[in-house]
Amino acid sequence: MPIRRSALAIVLAATALPASALDLSAMSENERAAFRAEVRAYLLENPEVLTEAIAVLEQREQQQQVAADQMLVQDNFDAILADGHSWIGGNPEGDVTVVEFMDYRCGYCRRAFEEVEDLVEGDGNIRFILKEFPILGEQSVMASQFAITVQQLHGNDAYKAAHDALMLMQTDISEQSLTRLAEGLAFDPAPIMARMAAPEVMAIIDANHQLAQDLSISGTPTFVMGDRLVRGYVPLPTMEAIIEEERAG
């Protein structure tokens, strides 16, 4: 929040007085100078007003952002929840849906991984959807291509196994490391590696990128929890609190 605002604007924001209620242009030069001097003196004598005013402004902006995000979610509801290609886990009939836009090379996605798993498993009534959203370079794209290809060739359970393994992988993503990963999961790596750049695979990545753009998502992880967007990593207790708030309506 920029603090470099005019003293008058801050005082008006703190008191919820519309700026139009004071017409400085109707004052004489002497009246304006006296008014400004009074405002300055008041703020110098009561500097806590600045902190209070900034807190009010920040709260209002946060509320406006939440409302704007909720509108984005509503406008893209079908693409978020029923795109026909994203992996769906947890409880498919759950009363709250959590969607995660993730990148396998994202440190915060990796940090959130086990906590999201604990959230979904511990709650038991969450529908969980994963969106492949590689944004951190070529290795990220390769990892998503691998996971999507595994899903297309071997099904949803195989996808989840590949997803989990990629999240825990400590080496660079390369053809060699993905070949070893496929073998470790008991898949023939040749068909997977040959299909990774197929149009059917890239179309999903492109669709997820378009959806992220429509939702003004630029970083990972980003979650859709119920009808709200949660940008960035949040710890398990915070996620649990958000879910309860969504249930409370």
C-alpha atoms as a PDB file:
ATOM      1  CA  MET A   1       0.000   0.000   0.000  1.00  0.00           C
ATOM      2  CA  PRO A   2       1.622   3.307  -1.004  1.00  0.00           C
ATOM      3  CA  ILE A   3       1.815   5.619   1.989  1.00  0.00           C
ATOM      4  CA  ARG A   4       2.572   8.722  -0.090  1.00  0.00           C
ATOM      5  CA  ARG A   5      -0.966  10.117  -0.102  1.00  0.00           C
ATOM      6  CA  SER A   6      -2.050  13.630   0.654  1.00  0.00           C
ATOM      7  CA  ALA A   7      -2.811  14.211   4.327  1.00  0.00           C
ATOM      8  CA  LEU A   8      -6.317  15.286   3.395  1.00  0.00           C
ATOM      9  CA  ALA A   9      -7.013  12.067   1.472  1.00  0.00           C
ATOM     10  CA  ILE A  10      -5.827   9.950   4.408  1.00  0.00           C
ATOM     11  CA  VAL A  11      -7.918  11.843   6.931  1.00  0.00           C
ATOM     12  CA  LEU A  12     -10.981  11.611   4.693  1.00  0.00           C
ATOM     13  CA  ALA A  13     -10.456   7.865   4.189  1.00  0.00           C
ATOM     14  CA  ALA A  14     -10.126   7.334   7.934  1.00  0.00           C
ATOM     15  CA  THR A  15     -13.362   9.189   8.648  1.00  0.00           C
ATOM     16  CA  ALA A  16     -15.198   7.737   5.621  1.00  0.00           C
ATOM     17  CA  LEU A  17     -15.970  11.293   4.460  1.00  0.00           C
ATOM     18  CA  PRO A  18     -16.337  11.609   0.669  1.00  0.00           C
ATOM     19  CA  ALA A  19     -13.675  13.825  -0.872  1.00  0.00           C
ATOM     20  CA  SER A  20     -16.454  15.709  -2.665  1.00  0.00           C
ATOM     21  CA  ALA A  21     -17.734  16.938   0.697  1.00  0.00           C
ATOM     22  CA  LEU A  22     -14.896  19.452   0.770  1.00  0.00           C
ATOM     23  CA  ASP A  23     -14.388  21.666  -2.235  1.00  0.00           C
ATOM     24  CA  LEU A  24     -10.942  23.179  -1.884  1.00  0.00           C
ATOM     25  CA  SER A  25     -11.368  25.003  -5.168  1.00  0.00           C
ATOM     26  CA  ALA A  26     -14.116  27.087  -3.566  1.00  0.00           C
ATOM     27  CA  MET A  27     -11.735  28.305  -0.861  1.00  0.00           C
ATOM     28  CA  SER A  28      -9.528  31.320  -1.087  1.00  0.00           C
ATOM     29  CA  GLU A  29      -5.762  30.908  -1.034  1.00  0.00           C
ATOM     30  CA  ASN A  30      -5.687  31.966   2.597  1.00  0.00           C
ATOM     31  CA  GLU A  31      -8.490  29.530   3.511  1.00  0.00           C
ATOM     32  CA  ARG A  32      -6.733  26.654   1.741  1.00  0.00           C
ATOM     33  CA  ALA A  33      -3.446  27.463   3.444  1.00  0.00           C
ATOM     34  CA  ALA A  34      -5.146  27.593   6.837  1.00  0.00           C
ATOM     35  CA  PHE A  35      -6.969  24.330   6.204  1.00  0.00           C
ATOM     36  CA  ARG A  36      -3.792  22.560   5.154  1.00  0.00           C
ATOM     37  CA  ALA A  37      -1.996  23.883   8.194  1.00  0.00           C
ATOM     38  CA  GLU A  38      -4.765  22.557  10.436  1.00  0.00           C
ATOM     39  CA  VAL A  39      -4.603  19.118   8.804  1.00  0.00           C
ATOM     40  CA  ARG A  40      -0.824  19.019   9.154  1.00  0.00           C
ATOM     41  CA  ALA A  41      -0.953  20.076  12.775  1.00  0.00           C
ATOM     42  CA  TYR A  42      -3.628  17.504  13.553  1.00  0.00           C
ATOM     43  CA  LEU A  43      -1.631  14.693  11.980  1.00  0.00           C
ATOM     44  CA  LEU A  44       1.546  15.700  13.764  1.00  0.00           C
ATOM     45  CA  GLU A  45      -0.305  15.731  17.071  1.00  0.00           C
ATOM     46  CA  ASN A  46      -2.156  12.471  16.303  1.00  0.00           C
ATOM     47  CA  PRO A  47       0.150  10.323  14.108  1.00  0.00           C
ATOM     48  CA  GLU A  48      -1.760   7.180  15.064  1.00  0.00           C
ATOM     49  CA  VAL A  49      -4.488   8.373  12.702  1.00  0.00           C
ATOM     50  CA  LEU A  50      -2.188   7.563   9.784  1.00  0.00           C
ATOM     51  CA  THR A  51      -1.833   3.948  10.896  1.00  0.00           C
ATOM     52  CA  GLU A  52      -5.575   3.641  11.433  1.00  0.00           C
ATOM     53  CA  ALA A  53      -6.346   5.187   8.058  1.00  0.00           C
ATOM     54  CA  ILE A  54      -3.896   2.953   6.196  1.00  0.00           C
ATOM     55  CA  ALA A  55      -5.366  -0.120   7.925  1.00  0.00           C
ATOM     56  CA  VAL A  56      -8.863   0.930   6.814  1.00  0.00           C
ATOM     57  CA  LEU A  57      -7.708   1.449   3.241  1.00  0.00           C
ATOM     58  CA  GLU A  58      -5.887  -1.903   3.163  1.00  0.00           C
ATOM     59  CA  GLN A  59      -8.964  -3.691   4.493  1.00  0.00           C
ATOM     60  CA  ARG A  60     -11.168  -2.084   1.864  1.00  0.00           C
ATOM     61  CA  GLU A  61      -8.768  -3.012  -0.912  1.00  0.00           C
ATOM     62  CA  GLN A  62      -8.586  -6.601   0.348  1.00  0.00           C
ATOM     63  CA  GLN A  63     -12.373  -6.802   0.396  1.00  0.00           C
ATOM     64  CA  GLN A  64     -12.515  -5.443  -3.131  1.00  0.00           C
ATOM     65  CA  GLN A  65      -9.922  -7.992  -4.278  1.00  0.00           C
ATOM     66  CA  VAL A  66     -11.859 -10.867  -2.692  1.00  0.00           C
ATOM     67  CA  ALA A  67     -15.051  -9.717  -4.405  1.00  0.00           C
ATOM     68  CA  ALA A  68     -13.264  -9.391  -7.751  1.00  0.00           C
ATOM     69  CA  ASP A  69     -11.723 -12.860  -7.377  1.00  0.00           C
ATOM     70  CA  GLN A  70     -15.098 -14.376  -6.519  1.00  0.00           C
ATOM     71  CA  MET A  71     -16.530 -12.873  -9.694  1.00  0.00           C
ATOM     72  CA  LEU A  72     -13.670 -14.369 -11.727  1.00  0.00           C
ATOM     73  CA  VAL A  73     -14.360 -17.794 -10.213  1.00  0.00           C
ATOM     74  CA  GLN A  74     -18.067 -17.532 -10.963  1.00  0.00           C
ATOM     75  CA  ASP A  75     -17.404 -16.435 -14.545  1.00  0.00           C
ATOM     76  CA  ASN A  76     -15.095 -19.415 -15.145  1.00  0.00           C
ATOM     77  CA  PHE A  77     -16.912 -21.961 -12.992  1.00  0.00           C
ATOM     78  CA  ASP A  78     -17.293 -24.714 -15.619  1.00  0.00           C
ATOM     79  CA  ALA A  79     -13.695 -24.497 -16.825  1.00  0.00           C
ATOM     80  CA  ILE A  80     -12.427 -24.686 -13.244  1.00  0.00           C
ATOM     81  CA  LEU A  81     -14.538 -27.630 -12.097  1.00  0.00           C
ATOM     82  CA  ALA A  82     -15.415 -29.631 -15.208  1.00  0.00           C
ATOM     83  CA  ASP A  83     -12.875 -29.173 -17.983  1.00  0.00           C
ATOM     84  CA  GLY A  84     -12.940 -32.881 -18.847  1.00  0.00           C
ATOM     85  CA  HIS A  85      -9.204 -33.468 -18.454  1.00  0.00           C
ATOM     86  CA  SER A  86      -8.037 -32.442 -14.967  1.00  0.00           C
ATOM     87  CA  TRP A  87      -7.418 -35.154 -12.387  1.00  0.00           C
ATOM     88  CA  ILE A  88     -10.094 -35.279  -9.687  1.00  0.00           C
ATOM     89  CA  GLY A  89      -9.418 -36.882  -6.320  1.00  0.00           C
ATOM     90  CA  GLY A  90     -10.462 -36.720  -2.710  1.00  0.00           C
ATOM     91  CA  ASN A  91     -14.193 -37.186  -2.357  1.00  0.00           C
ATOM     92  CA  PRO A  92     -15.792 -36.644  -5.795  1.00  0.00           C
ATOM     93  CA  GLU A  93     -19.075 -35.868  -4.023  1.00  0.00           C
ATOM     94  CA  GLY A  94     -17.465 -33.544  -1.459  1.00  0.00           C
ATOM     95  CA  ASP A  95     -19.297 -30.437  -0.315  1.00  0.00           C
ATOM     96  CA  VAL A  96     -16.286 -28.159  -0.973  1.00  0.00           C
ATOM     97  CA  THR A  97     -13.996 -28.231  -3.999  1.00  0.00           C
ATOM     98  CA  VAL A  98     -10.306 -27.333  -3.803  1.00  0.00           C
ATOM     99  CA  VAL A  99      -8.478 -26.723  -7.080  1.00  0.00           C
ATOM    100  CA  GLU A 100      -4.707 -26.297  -7.205  1.00  0.00           C
ATOM    101  CA  PHE A 101      -2.764 -24.690 -10.047  1.00  0.00           C
ATOM    102  CA  MET A 102       0.718 -26.141  -9.584  1.00  0.00           C
ATOM    103  CA  ASP A 103       4.196 -26.430 -11.066  1.00  0.00           C
ATOM    104  CA  TYR A 104       6.467 -29.365 -10.227  1.00  0.00           C
ATOM    105  CA  ARG A 105       9.532 -27.104 -10.010  1.00  0.00           C
ATOM    106  CA  CYS A 106       7.845 -24.652  -7.654  1.00  0.00           C
ATOM    107  CA  GLY A 107       9.364 -24.783  -4.172  1.00  0.00           C
ATOM    108  CA  TYR A 108       6.188 -23.549  -2.522  1.00  0.00           C
ATOM    109  CA  CYS A 109       4.121 -26.161  -4.400  1.00  0.00           C
ATOM    110  CA  ARG A 110       6.424 -28.809  -3.003  1.00  0.00           C
ATOM    111  CA  ARG A 111       6.119 -27.299   0.441  1.00  0.00           C
ATOM    112  CA  ALA A 112       2.326 -27.333   0.170  1.00  0.00           C
ATOM    113  CA  PHE A 113       2.170 -30.851  -1.269  1.00  0.00           C
ATOM    114  CA  GLU A 114       1.991 -32.883   1.934  1.00  0.00           C
ATOM    115  CA  GLU A 115      -0.192 -30.308   3.674  1.00  0.00           C
ATOM    116  CA  VAL A 116      -2.728 -30.373   0.845  1.00  0.00           C
ATOM    117  CA  GLU A 117      -2.695 -34.165   1.006  1.00  0.00           C
ATOM    118  CA  ASP A 118      -3.313 -33.982   4.766  1.00  0.00           C
ATOM    119  CA  LEU A 119      -6.113 -31.480   4.230  1.00  0.00           C
ATOM    120  CA  VAL A 120      -7.940 -33.642   1.712  1.00  0.00           C
ATOM    121  CA  GLU A 121      -7.423 -36.946   3.498  1.00  0.00           C
ATOM    122  CA  GLY A 122      -8.079 -35.569   6.980  1.00  0.00           C
ATOM    123  CA  ASP A 123     -11.265 -33.784   5.987  1.00  0.00           C
ATOM    124  CA  GLY A 124     -12.810 -36.569   3.940  1.00  0.00           C
ATOM    125  CA  ASN A 125     -15.392 -34.338   2.266  1.00  0.00           C
ATOM    126  CA  ILE A 126     -13.258 -32.302  -0.140  1.00  0.00           C
ATOM    127  CA  ARG A 127     -13.267 -32.713  -3.903  1.00  0.00           C
ATOM    128  CA  PHE A 128      -9.684 -32.061  -5.030  1.00  0.00           C
ATOM    129  CA  ILE A 129      -8.725 -31.058  -8.580  1.00  0.00           C
ATOM    130  CA  LEU A 130      -5.206 -30.607  -9.957  1.00  0.00           C
ATOM    131  CA  LYS A 131      -4.368 -28.190 -12.776  1.00  0.00           C
ATOM    132  CA  GLU A 132      -1.038 -28.653 -14.535  1.00  0.00           C
ATOM    133  CA  PHE A 133       0.319 -25.101 -14.794  1.00  0.00           C
ATOM    134  CA  PRO A 134       4.018 -25.187 -15.743  1.00  0.00           C
ATOM    135  CA  ILE A 135       5.466 -21.668 -15.631  1.00  0.00           C
ATOM    136  CA  LEU A 136       9.053 -22.128 -14.440  1.00  0.00           C
ATOM    137  CA  GLY A 137      10.798 -23.162 -17.618  1.00  0.00           C
ATOM    138  CA  GLU A 138      11.445 -26.168 -19.798  1.00  0.00           C
ATOM    139  CA  GLN A 139      11.800 -28.669 -16.961  1.00  0.00           C
ATOM    140  CA  SER A 140       8.406 -27.647 -15.610  1.00  0.00           C
ATOM    141  CA  VAL A 141       6.835 -28.180 -19.017  1.00  0.00           C
ATOM    142  CA  MET A 142       8.484 -31.593 -19.401  1.00  0.00           C
ATOM    143  CA  ALA A 143       7.224 -32.697 -15.995  1.00  0.00           C
ATOM    144  CA  SER A 144       3.650 -31.683 -16.832  1.00  0.00           C
ATOM    145  CA  GLN A 145       3.881 -33.346 -20.230  1.00  0.00           C
ATOM    146  CA  PHE A 146       4.993 -36.542 -18.532  1.00  0.00           C
ATOM    147  CA  ALA A 147       2.188 -36.487 -15.953  1.00  0.00           C
ATOM    148  CA  ILE A 148      -0.517 -35.723 -18.524  1.00  0.00           C
ATOM    149  CA  THR A 149       0.781 -38.414 -20.879  1.00  0.00           C
ATOM    150  CA  VAL A 150       0.758 -40.971 -18.070  1.00  0.00           C
ATOM    151  CA  GLN A 151      -2.854 -40.049 -17.351  1.00  0.00           C
ATOM    152  CA  GLN A 152      -3.864 -40.381 -20.996  1.00  0.00           C
ATOM    153  CA  LEU A 153      -2.117 -43.726 -21.446  1.00  0.00           C
ATOM    154  CA  HIS A 154      -2.638 -45.337 -18.042  1.00  0.00           C
ATOM    155  CA  GLY A 155      -5.510 -43.590 -16.258  1.00  0.00           C
ATOM    156  CA  ASN A 156      -6.147 -41.474 -13.207  1.00  0.00           C
ATOM    157  CA  ASP A 157      -4.517 -43.688 -10.578  1.00  0.00           C
ATOM    158  CA  ALA A 158      -1.327 -43.796 -12.624  1.00  0.00           C
ATOM    159  CA  TYR A 159      -1.444 -40.026 -12.997  1.00  0.00           C
ATOM    160  CA  LYS A 160      -1.624 -39.534  -9.230  1.00  0.00           C
ATOM    161  CA  ALA A 161       1.324 -41.861  -8.736  1.00  0.00           C
ATOM    162  CA  ALA A 162       3.328 -39.931 -11.328  1.00  0.00           C
ATOM    163  CA  HIS A 163       2.248 -36.595  -9.836  1.00  0.00           C
ATOM    164  CA  ASP A 164       3.350 -37.611  -6.343  1.00  0.00           C
ATOM    165  CA  ALA A 165       6.676 -38.934  -7.620  1.00  0.00           C
ATOM    166  CA  LEU A 166       7.354 -35.734  -9.564  1.00  0.00           C
ATOM    167  CA  MET A 167       6.547 -33.628  -6.528  1.00  0.00           C
ATOM    168  CA  LEU A 168       9.106 -35.568  -4.499  1.00  0.00           C
ATOM    169  CA  MET A 169      11.736 -35.837  -7.230  1.00  0.00           C
ATOM    170  CA  GLN A 170      15.078 -34.353  -6.165  1.00  0.00           C
ATOM    171  CA  THR A 171      16.881 -34.491  -9.528  1.00  0.00           C
ATOM    172  CA  ASP A 172      16.579 -32.312 -12.606  1.00  0.00           C
ATOM    173  CA  ILE A 173      13.805 -33.131 -15.032  1.00  0.00           C
ATOM    174  CA  SER A 174      15.242 -34.685 -18.183  1.00  0.00           C
ATOM    175  CA  GLU A 175      14.486 -37.491 -20.591  1.00  0.00           C
ATOM    176  CA  GLN A 176      16.794 -39.730 -18.599  1.00  0.00           C
ATOM    177  CA  SER A 177      15.257 -38.957 -15.211  1.00  0.00           C
ATOM    178  CA  LEU A 178      11.709 -39.277 -16.572  1.00  0.00           C
ATOM    179  CA  THR A 179      12.608 -42.605 -18.183  1.00  0.00           C
ATOM    180  CA  ARG A 180      13.871 -43.861 -14.833  1.00  0.00           C
ATOM    181  CA  LEU A 181      10.725 -42.542 -13.150  1.00  0.00           C
ATOM    182  CA  ALA A 182       8.477 -44.360 -15.618  1.00  0.00           C
ATOM    183  CA  GLU A 183      10.392 -47.584 -15.033  1.00  0.00           C
ATOM    184  CA  GLY A 184      10.146 -47.098 -11.281  1.00  0.00           C
ATOM    185  CA  LEU A 185       6.378 -46.807 -11.631  1.00  0.00           C
ATOM    186  CA  ALA A 186       6.329 -50.015 -13.720  1.00  0.00           C
ATOM    187  CA  PHE A 187       5.396 -48.236 -16.971  1.00  0.00           C
ATOM    188  CA  ASP A 188       7.035 -48.781 -20.349  1.00  0.00           C
ATOM    189  CA  PRO A 189       8.816 -45.449 -20.815  1.00  0.00           C
ATOM    190  CA  ALA A 190       8.991 -45.553 -24.621  1.00  0.00           C
ATOM    191  CA  PRO A 191       5.314 -44.789 -25.388  1.00  0.00           C
ATOM    192  CA  ILE A 192       5.262 -42.080 -22.718  1.00  0.00           C
ATOM    193  CA  MET A 193       8.359 -40.312 -23.990  1.00  0.00           C
ATOM    194  CA  ALA A 194       7.168 -40.545 -27.593  1.00  0.00           C
ATOM    195  CA  ARG A 195       3.799 -38.936 -26.781  1.00  0.00           C
ATOM    196  CA  MET A 196       4.829 -36.115 -24.461  1.00  0.00           C
ATOM    197  CA  ALA A 197       4.847 -33.440 -27.174  1.00  0.00           C
ATOM    198  CA  ALA A 198       1.622 -34.661 -28.802  1.00  0.00           C
ATOM    199  CA  PRO A 199      -1.051 -32.049 -29.577  1.00  0.00           C
ATOM    200  CA  GLU A 200      -3.447 -33.784 -27.172  1.00  0.00           C
ATOM    201  CA  VAL A 201      -0.972 -33.213 -24.357  1.00  0.00           C
ATOM    202  CA  MET A 202      -0.032 -29.657 -25.216  1.00  0.00           C
ATOM    203  CA  ALA A 203      -3.697 -28.699 -25.635  1.00  0.00           C
ATOM    204  CA  ILE A 204      -4.274 -29.375 -21.933  1.00  0.00           C
ATOM    205  CA  ILE A 205      -1.308 -27.257 -20.871  1.00  0.00           C
ATOM    206  CA  ASP A 206      -2.459 -24.476 -23.197  1.00  0.00           C
ATOM    207  CA  ALA A 207      -6.017 -24.655 -21.840  1.00  0.00           C
ATOM    208  CA  ASN A 208      -4.759 -24.436 -18.255  1.00  0.00           C
ATOM    209  CA  HIS A 209      -2.623 -21.433 -19.121  1.00  0.00           C
ATOM    210  CA  GLN A 210      -5.604 -19.737 -20.723  1.00  0.00           C
ATOM    211  CA  LEU A 211      -7.768 -20.451 -17.691  1.00  0.00           C
ATOM    212  CA  ALA A 212      -5.068 -19.080 -15.394  1.00  0.00           C
ATOM    213  CA  GLN A 213      -4.930 -15.938 -17.495  1.00  0.00           C
ATOM    214  CA  ASP A 214      -8.716 -15.589 -17.296  1.00  0.00           C
ATOM    215  CA  LEU A 215      -8.467 -15.893 -13.507  1.00  0.00           C
ATOM    216  CA  SER A 216      -5.536 -13.430 -13.279  1.00  0.00           C
ATOM    217  CA  ILE A 217      -3.319 -16.214 -11.902  1.00  0.00           C
ATOM    218  CA  SER A 218       0.385 -15.633 -12.488  1.00  0.00           C
ATOM    219  CA  GLY A 219       2.069 -17.712  -9.781  1.00  0.00           C
ATOM    220  CA  THR A 220       2.020 -21.097  -8.113  1.00  0.00           C
ATOM    221  CA  PRO A 221       0.594 -22.502  -6.063  1.00  0.00           C
ATOM    222  CA  THR A 222      -2.765 -20.829  -6.521  1.00  0.00           C
ATOM    223  CA  PHE A 223      -5.878 -22.443  -5.086  1.00  0.00           C
ATOM    224  CA  VAL A 224      -9.553 -22.116  -5.756  1.00  0.00           C
ATOM    225  CA  MET A 225     -11.264 -23.009  -2.475  1.00  0.00           C
ATOM    226  CA  GLY A 226     -15.003 -22.915  -2.833  1.00  0.00           C
ATOM    227  CA  ASP A 227     -15.634 -19.581  -4.524  1.00  0.00           C
ATOM    228  CA  ARG A 228     -12.450 -17.804  -3.488  1.00  0.00           C
ATOM    229  CA  LEU A 229      -8.975 -17.575  -4.940  1.00  0.00           C
ATOM    230  CA  VAL A 230      -6.077 -18.183  -2.553  1.00  0.00           C
ATOM    231  CA  ARG A 231      -2.828 -16.990  -4.082  1.00  0.00           C
ATOM    232  CA  GLY A 232       0.409 -18.519  -2.838  1.00  0.00           C
ATOM    233  CA  TYR A 233       1.338 -21.002  -0.144  1.00  0.00           C
ATOM    234  CA  VAL A 234      -0.797 -21.110   2.977  1.00  0.00           C
ATOM    235  CA  PRO A 235      -0.189 -23.520   5.896  1.00  0.00           C
ATOM    236  CA  LEU A 236      -2.560 -26.343   6.723  1.00  0.00           C
ATOM    237  CA  PRO A 237      -4.367 -24.593   9.630  1.00  0.00           C
ATOM    238  CA  THR A 238      -5.161 -21.637   7.362  1.00  0.00           C
ATOM    239  CA  MET A 239      -6.493 -23.926   4.637  1.00  0.00           C
ATOM    240  CA  GLU A 240      -8.664 -25.720   7.191  1.00  0.00           C
ATOM    241  CA  ALA A 241     -10.048 -22.391   8.402  1.00  0.00           C
ATOM    242  CA  ILE A 242     -10.870 -21.325   4.834  1.00  0.00           C
ATOM    243  CA  ILE A 243     -12.709 -24.590   4.191  1.00  0.00           C
ATOM    244  CA  GLU A 244     -14.768 -24.116   7.328  1.00  0.00           C
ATOM    245  CA  GLU A 245     -15.596 -20.554   6.285  1.00  0.00           C
ATOM    246  CA  GLU A 246     -16.714 -21.813   2.884  1.00  0.00           C
ATOM    247  CA  ARG A 247     -18.945 -24.385   4.502  1.00  0.00           C
ATOM    248  CA  ALA A 248     -20.436 -21.771   6.795  1.00  0.00           C
ATOM    249  CA  GLY A 249     -21.356 -19.772   3.737  1.00  0.00           C
END
